[in-house]
Amino acid sequence: MKKPTLEQMKAWRDKATERLSVLARNNAIEEPIESGEECYQLGDDCCKPDGYGQFCWVTEDQFDSVLPPGIEHDRYVAMTNTFDFDGEAKEWADNWNDPEYWDDAADEALGDGQADGAYWTTRDEDPADANSARALAASQIALELDGDHLIERTPENIGLLHDIVDTVHDTDPESNLGYYRAWPSMTACETIGEHLTDGEITEKATYGGWNPDRDPYLRVNKDGDWVGMSQDEADRLVWDNRKTILKNVGAYADDMPDDLTNRVCAMDERAAAPTPAPDPWIGVDMDALFGSDGPTLPDPDPDPGIDPGIDPGIDPGIDLNAINGPMGPGIGM
């Protein structure tokens, strides 16, 4: 039976880690594991995908769904908790399908305590770290849903985007989100113009075209000028830049208020359950279909799972649907 190469063994480990990391990210939002409850932790030596480093906790059932108890479970624990991965490659390849070997290897790896891989423990996480991980997870999921064109332009989502801009800009006045902020005209001189003279305000309004009697809002462009905006223009500004705004929820995860993160999670939940496509058969006279002069059959909707705007050659990243079902029996089985 063919022995796996070092690259194949790492690929097996990485695939399992991807699937576990997706579950851990969902757990950061849904929080099925209470503080002090026993669970599996995915440490840094699991080699998690980029952006998934903060997502650590999975339940026993989730872990077993990806790596059933037995050889796959023991193999993954041993591989992720062994300090010298490359140095063990030959021995691992020779014993790839030996359950007794991997049972002993897992016990030995956990006993040595040399690495920080996957292991059974008690969740002991700082609440601030948990809140940060939740905001990051909400940001990532929102961006993925928007990439699938599932985030809708609703008043709730527009209001959320405005509030994210305001929160990030208040936290970091140097943030580029300041260019998307809509300042109410009626208080602009007291807020954004607090440290400006009347002459400086007039100059900025002249070059930017702001008229407080006409424009309910203003934005500051990259030249520092004040540009007048209507409500529709202010809303369109944040909607057209929603990807950048949503990304900043993760970039400033440590500073995201809980209520704002909750609203991003609610937006994700609404988008994850889109309105079904209309039934093309509604209104069709079925009896008339049997007549020679009956109506033309309606064209069914195209496959909703195929986005004609996506290049099939582009790797979409982690396959979220791949988390269902256990890992395969392993290389060489």
Protein backbone atom coordinates (compact mmCIF):
# COMPACT_ATOMS: atom_id res chain seq x y z
CA MET A 1 0.00 0.00 0.00
CA LYS A 2 1.33 3.39 -1.03
CA LYS A 3 2.80 5.54 1.73
CA PRO A 4 1.72 9.20 1.88
CA THR A 5 4.28 11.91 1.23
CA LEU A 6 4.97 14.74 3.64
CA GLU A 7 2.90 17.06 1.44
CA GLN A 8 -0.02 14.64 1.41
CA MET A 9 0.04 14.28 5.19
CA LYS A 10 0.04 18.05 5.62
CA ALA A 11 -2.83 18.35 3.13
CA TRP A 12 -4.85 15.82 5.16
CA ARG A 13 -4.19 17.76 8.35
CA ASP A 14 -4.98 21.11 6.73
CA LYS A 15 -8.29 19.90 5.29
CA ALA A 16 -9.43 18.72 8.71
CA THR A 17 -8.31 22.01 10.23
CA GLU A 18 -10.25 24.02 7.65
CA ARG A 19 -13.46 22.18 8.45
CA LEU A 20 -12.96 22.47 12.19
CA SER A 21 -12.11 26.18 11.86
CA VAL A 22 -15.39 26.89 10.06
CA LEU A 23 -17.26 25.25 12.93
CA ALA A 24 -15.19 27.20 15.46
CA ARG A 25 -16.00 30.45 13.65
CA ASN A 26 -19.72 29.70 13.80
CA ASN A 27 -19.34 28.92 17.49
CA ALA A 28 -17.81 32.37 18.05
CA ILE A 29 -21.19 33.81 17.04
CA GLU A 30 -23.63 31.22 18.36
CA GLU A 31 -21.62 30.46 21.53
CA PRO A 32 -22.80 26.89 22.16
CA ILE A 33 -19.90 26.37 24.59
CA GLU A 34 -20.16 28.18 27.91
CA SER A 35 -17.12 29.44 29.79
CA GLY A 36 -15.86 26.63 32.00
CA GLU A 37 -17.42 23.92 29.82
CA GLU A 38 -15.26 21.11 28.44
CA CYS A 39 -14.58 21.11 24.70
CA TYR A 40 -11.82 20.83 22.13
CA GLN A 41 -9.44 23.71 21.60
CA LEU A 42 -7.70 24.33 18.28
CA GLY A 43 -4.31 25.82 19.11
CA ASP A 44 -1.91 27.71 16.89
CA ASP A 45 -0.06 24.56 15.85
CA CYS A 46 -3.16 23.30 14.05
CA CYS A 47 -2.04 25.63 11.23
CA LYS A 48 -5.44 27.29 10.85
CA PRO A 49 -6.32 29.14 7.63
CA ASP A 50 -5.54 32.84 7.35
CA GLY A 51 -8.06 34.92 9.29
CA TYR A 52 -9.19 32.01 11.49
CA GLY A 53 -6.57 32.29 14.23
CA GLN A 54 -9.00 33.64 16.85
CA PHE A 55 -11.51 30.81 16.44
CA CYS A 56 -10.52 28.05 18.86
CA TRP A 57 -13.44 26.17 20.35
CA VAL A 58 -15.45 23.20 19.03
CA THR A 59 -17.76 20.78 20.79
CA GLU A 60 -17.04 17.08 21.11
CA ASP A 61 -19.83 16.27 18.63
CA GLN A 62 -18.43 18.75 16.12
CA PHE A 63 -14.91 17.37 16.45
CA ASP A 64 -16.18 13.80 16.05
CA SER A 65 -18.25 14.78 12.98
CA VAL A 66 -15.04 15.75 11.19
CA LEU A 67 -12.66 13.25 12.80
CA PRO A 68 -14.52 10.19 14.11
CA PRO A 69 -13.08 8.58 17.25
CA GLY A 70 -10.38 6.11 16.35
CA ILE A 71 -7.47 6.37 13.97
CA GLU A 72 -8.46 9.69 12.36
CA HIS A 73 -9.04 11.33 15.71
CA ASP A 74 -5.75 10.05 17.13
CA ARG A 75 -3.81 10.84 13.96
CA TYR A 76 -4.94 14.47 13.95
CA VAL A 77 -4.24 14.98 17.67
CA ALA A 78 -0.77 13.47 17.31
CA MET A 79 0.12 15.44 14.20
CA THR A 80 -1.00 18.81 15.55
CA ASN A 81 0.65 18.33 18.94
CA THR A 82 4.03 17.11 17.68
CA PHE A 83 6.71 19.76 17.73
CA ASP A 84 8.94 18.22 15.05
CA PHE A 85 6.38 17.54 12.29
CA ASP A 86 8.91 17.05 9.50
CA GLY A 87 11.14 14.85 11.65
CA GLU A 88 8.31 12.37 12.23
CA ALA A 89 7.24 12.19 8.58
CA LYS A 90 8.87 8.86 7.72
CA GLU A 91 7.56 7.07 10.80
CA TRP A 92 4.09 8.49 10.25
CA ALA A 93 4.08 7.39 6.61
CA ASP A 94 5.16 3.87 7.59
CA ASN A 95 2.33 3.61 10.13
CA TRP A 96 -0.35 5.70 8.39
CA ASN A 97 -3.04 3.00 8.63
CA ASP A 98 -2.06 1.51 12.01
CA PRO A 99 -4.66 2.40 14.70
CA GLU A 100 -2.51 1.19 17.58
CA TYR A 101 0.42 3.30 16.47
CA TRP A 102 -1.68 6.47 16.33
CA ASP A 103 -3.33 5.76 19.67
CA ASP A 104 0.10 5.62 21.30
CA ALA A 105 1.35 8.61 19.28
CA ALA A 106 -1.55 10.79 20.41
CA ASP A 107 -1.00 9.92 24.08
CA GLU A 108 2.72 10.59 23.75
CA ALA A 109 2.23 13.92 21.96
CA LEU A 110 -0.21 15.20 24.58
CA GLY A 111 2.03 13.95 27.36
CA ASP A 112 5.07 15.80 26.02
CA GLY A 113 3.23 19.13 25.95
CA GLN A 114 5.62 20.46 23.33
CA ALA A 115 3.05 21.88 20.93
CA ASP A 116 -0.28 23.70 20.97
CA GLY A 117 -2.50 21.68 18.64
CA ALA A 118 -5.94 20.15 19.15
CA TYR A 119 -6.74 18.85 22.63
CA TRP A 120 -9.56 18.33 25.12
CA THR A 121 -9.72 21.11 27.69
CA THR A 122 -11.97 23.58 29.47
CA ARG A 123 -12.96 26.79 27.76
CA ASP A 124 -11.23 29.56 29.66
CA GLU A 125 -11.40 32.65 27.49
CA ASP A 126 -11.25 36.33 28.37
CA PRO A 127 -14.70 37.86 27.62
CA ALA A 128 -12.99 40.65 25.68
CA ASP A 129 -11.31 38.06 23.43
CA ALA A 130 -14.64 36.30 22.92
CA ASN A 131 -16.32 39.56 21.92
CA SER A 132 -13.49 40.35 19.50
CA ALA A 133 -13.71 36.89 17.92
CA ARG A 134 -17.48 37.29 17.54
CA ALA A 135 -17.11 40.63 15.75
CA LEU A 136 -14.44 39.21 13.45
CA ALA A 137 -16.61 36.19 12.62
CA ALA A 138 -19.62 38.40 11.90
CA SER A 139 -17.49 40.57 9.60
CA GLN A 140 -16.12 37.61 7.65
CA ILE A 141 -19.51 35.97 7.20
CA ALA A 142 -21.09 39.27 6.09
CA LEU A 143 -18.41 39.72 3.43
CA GLU A 144 -18.91 36.17 2.17
CA LEU A 145 -22.67 36.62 1.98
CA ASP A 146 -22.26 39.92 0.18
CA GLY A 147 -19.92 38.21 -2.26
CA ASP A 148 -22.81 35.84 -3.01
CA HIS A 149 -25.13 38.87 -3.50
CA LEU A 150 -27.25 37.93 -0.48
CA ILE A 151 -26.94 41.17 1.50
CA GLU A 152 -29.93 43.32 0.55
CA ARG A 153 -30.16 47.09 0.41
CA THR A 154 -32.68 47.57 3.21
CA PRO A 155 -33.19 50.52 5.58
CA GLU A 156 -31.90 48.35 8.44
CA ASN A 157 -28.70 47.49 6.62
CA ILE A 158 -28.14 51.08 5.46
CA GLY A 159 -28.56 52.32 9.01
CA LEU A 160 -26.13 49.65 10.24
CA LEU A 161 -23.49 50.72 7.70
CA HIS A 162 -23.80 54.35 8.81
CA ASP A 163 -23.42 53.32 12.47
CA ILE A 164 -20.34 51.21 11.70
CA VAL A 165 -18.76 54.19 9.95
CA ASP A 166 -19.51 56.49 12.87
CA THR A 167 -18.21 53.99 15.45
CA VAL A 168 -14.95 53.24 13.65
CA HIS A 169 -14.30 56.92 12.89
CA ASP A 170 -14.98 57.90 16.50
CA THR A 171 -12.53 55.18 17.58
CA ASP A 172 -9.89 56.14 15.01
CA PRO A 173 -10.28 59.65 13.55
CA GLU A 174 -7.52 58.78 11.04
CA SER A 175 -9.55 55.90 9.60
CA ASN A 176 -10.45 56.13 5.91
CA LEU A 177 -14.05 55.42 6.87
CA GLY A 178 -14.22 59.09 7.73
CA TYR A 179 -14.66 59.77 3.99
CA TYR A 180 -17.97 57.88 4.10
CA ARG A 181 -19.32 59.61 7.18
CA ALA A 182 -22.45 61.70 6.81
CA TRP A 183 -22.33 64.75 9.09
CA PRO A 184 -25.71 66.44 9.75
CA SER A 185 -25.54 69.95 8.32
CA MET A 186 -27.45 71.53 11.18
CA THR A 187 -24.68 70.66 13.67
CA ALA A 188 -21.65 70.50 11.35
CA CYS A 189 -20.11 73.76 12.54
CA GLU A 190 -20.20 72.54 16.15
CA THR A 191 -18.95 69.00 15.40
CA ILE A 192 -16.58 68.65 12.50
CA GLY A 193 -16.02 72.39 12.36
CA GLU A 194 -15.41 72.81 16.08
CA HIS A 195 -11.78 73.91 15.69
CA LEU A 196 -12.20 75.84 12.44
CA THR A 197 -12.64 79.56 11.96
CA ASP A 198 -15.60 80.96 10.07
CA GLY A 199 -13.30 81.74 7.18
CA GLU A 200 -11.99 78.18 7.02
CA ILE A 201 -15.51 76.78 7.07
CA THR A 202 -16.55 79.10 4.25
CA GLU A 203 -13.53 78.03 2.19
CA LYS A 204 -14.27 74.33 2.67
CA ALA A 205 -17.93 74.85 1.79
CA THR A 206 -17.04 76.86 -1.31
CA TYR A 207 -14.61 74.30 -2.71
CA GLY A 208 -16.78 71.31 -1.75
CA GLY A 209 -20.11 72.80 -2.76
CA TRP A 210 -21.84 72.41 0.60
CA ASN A 211 -24.95 74.52 1.13
CA PRO A 212 -26.45 74.04 4.61
CA ASP A 213 -29.80 75.47 3.44
CA ARG A 214 -30.04 72.84 0.72
CA ASP A 215 -28.00 69.83 1.91
CA PRO A 216 -29.10 67.88 5.00
CA TYR A 217 -25.67 66.23 5.21
CA LEU A 218 -22.06 66.77 4.27
CA ARG A 219 -19.04 64.57 3.82
CA VAL A 220 -15.38 65.49 3.93
CA ASN A 221 -13.51 64.56 0.77
CA LYS A 222 -9.82 63.67 0.56
CA ASP A 223 -8.94 67.32 0.01
CA GLY A 224 -10.66 68.23 3.27
CA ASP A 225 -13.49 70.08 1.52
CA TRP A 226 -17.12 69.84 2.61
CA VAL A 227 -19.35 68.18 0.02
CA GLY A 228 -23.11 68.50 0.42
CA MET A 229 -25.25 65.37 0.27
CA SER A 230 -28.91 64.46 0.25
CA GLN A 231 -30.20 61.56 2.32
CA ASP A 232 -30.18 59.34 -0.77
CA GLU A 233 -26.61 60.33 -1.63
CA ALA A 234 -25.45 59.62 1.93
CA ASP A 235 -27.11 56.19 1.87
CA ARG A 236 -25.69 55.37 -1.55
CA LEU A 237 -22.21 56.34 -0.35
CA VAL A 238 -22.18 53.72 2.40
CA TRP A 239 -23.93 51.09 0.32
CA ASP A 240 -21.47 51.41 -2.55
CA ASN A 241 -18.61 51.03 -0.06
CA ARG A 242 -20.19 48.31 2.09
CA LYS A 243 -17.34 45.82 1.56
CA THR A 244 -14.79 48.23 3.00
CA ILE A 245 -17.13 49.13 5.85
CA LEU A 246 -17.93 45.52 6.76
CA LYS A 247 -14.26 44.61 6.62
CA ASN A 248 -13.59 47.27 9.25
CA VAL A 249 -15.89 45.48 11.69
CA GLY A 250 -13.21 42.79 11.78
CA ALA A 251 -10.29 45.20 11.60
CA TYR A 252 -11.62 47.04 14.67
CA ALA A 253 -13.10 43.93 16.34
CA ASP A 254 -11.55 44.83 19.69
CA ASP A 255 -13.49 48.10 19.72
CA MET A 256 -16.86 46.91 18.37
CA PRO A 257 -19.73 47.46 20.82
CA ASP A 258 -21.78 44.34 21.50
CA ASP A 259 -24.99 45.87 20.15
CA LEU A 260 -23.33 46.72 16.84
CA THR A 261 -21.90 43.20 16.52
CA ASN A 262 -25.36 41.82 17.27
CA ARG A 263 -26.79 43.83 14.39
CA VAL A 264 -24.12 42.54 12.00
CA CYS A 265 -24.99 39.00 13.13
CA ALA A 266 -28.69 39.73 12.53
CA MET A 267 -27.87 40.97 9.03
CA ASP A 268 -25.97 37.74 8.40
CA GLU A 269 -28.93 35.67 9.58
CA ARG A 270 -31.37 37.50 7.31
CA ALA A 271 -29.06 37.09 4.32
CA ALA A 272 -28.42 33.41 4.99
CA ALA A 273 -32.16 32.73 4.53
CA PRO A 274 -32.96 34.64 1.29
CA THR A 275 -36.51 34.99 -0.02
CA PRO A 276 -37.33 32.06 -2.34
CA ALA A 277 -37.52 32.83 -6.05
CA PRO A 278 -41.09 33.30 -7.36
CA ASP A 279 -42.81 30.20 -8.71
CA PRO A 280 -42.86 30.49 -12.54
CA TRP A 281 -46.02 28.40 -12.66
CA ILE A 282 -48.16 30.85 -10.70
CA GLY A 283 -50.91 32.24 -12.93
CA VAL A 284 -50.51 29.58 -15.62
CA ASP A 285 -53.75 27.93 -16.79
CA MET A 286 -52.77 24.29 -16.54
CA ASP A 287 -55.84 23.12 -18.51
CA ALA A 288 -54.88 25.37 -21.41
CA LEU A 289 -51.49 23.71 -21.61
CA PHE A 290 -53.14 20.67 -23.18
CA GLY A 291 -54.74 22.72 -25.96
CA SER A 292 -53.07 23.38 -29.28
CA ASP A 293 -53.18 27.11 -28.71
CA GLY A 294 -52.17 26.99 -25.06
CA PRO A 295 -49.72 29.47 -23.53
CA THR A 296 -46.00 29.04 -23.78
CA LEU A 297 -44.44 27.22 -20.87
CA PRO A 298 -42.68 29.64 -18.55
CA ASP A 299 -38.92 29.41 -18.38
CA PRO A 300 -37.80 28.14 -15.00
CA ASP A 301 -35.40 30.29 -13.05
CA PRO A 302 -31.74 29.61 -13.71
CA ASP A 303 -29.88 27.58 -11.15
CA PRO A 304 -29.78 29.94 -8.12
CA GLY A 305 -26.54 28.35 -7.03
CA ILE A 306 -24.67 29.50 -10.13
CA ASP A 307 -23.52 33.09 -10.23
CA PRO A 308 -22.81 34.04 -13.88
CA GLY A 309 -20.57 36.84 -12.63
CA ILE A 310 -18.12 34.50 -10.89
CA ASP A 311 -15.16 33.12 -12.80
CA PRO A 312 -15.26 29.35 -12.28
CA GLY A 313 -11.48 29.35 -12.36
CA ILE A 314 -11.22 31.39 -9.18
CA ASP A 315 -10.77 29.41 -5.98
CA PRO A 316 -13.57 30.56 -3.64
CA GLY A 317 -11.57 29.61 -0.56
CA ILE A 318 -12.87 27.41 2.20
CA ASP A 319 -15.89 25.34 1.15
CA LEU A 320 -18.40 25.96 3.89
CA ASN A 321 -20.54 23.06 2.66
CA ALA A 322 -17.63 20.68 3.12
CA ILE A 323 -17.97 20.68 6.90
CA ASN A 324 -20.79 18.13 6.71
CA GLY A 325 -19.76 14.51 7.16
CA PRO A 326 -16.60 12.98 8.52
CA MET A 327 -13.16 13.15 6.99
CA GLY A 328 -12.26 10.45 4.50
CA PRO A 329 -10.43 7.39 5.73
CA GLY A 330 -7.12 9.06 4.99
CA ILE A 331 -4.40 8.74 2.44
CA GLY A 332 -3.54 5.21 1.42
CA MET A 333 -6.71 3.64 2.79
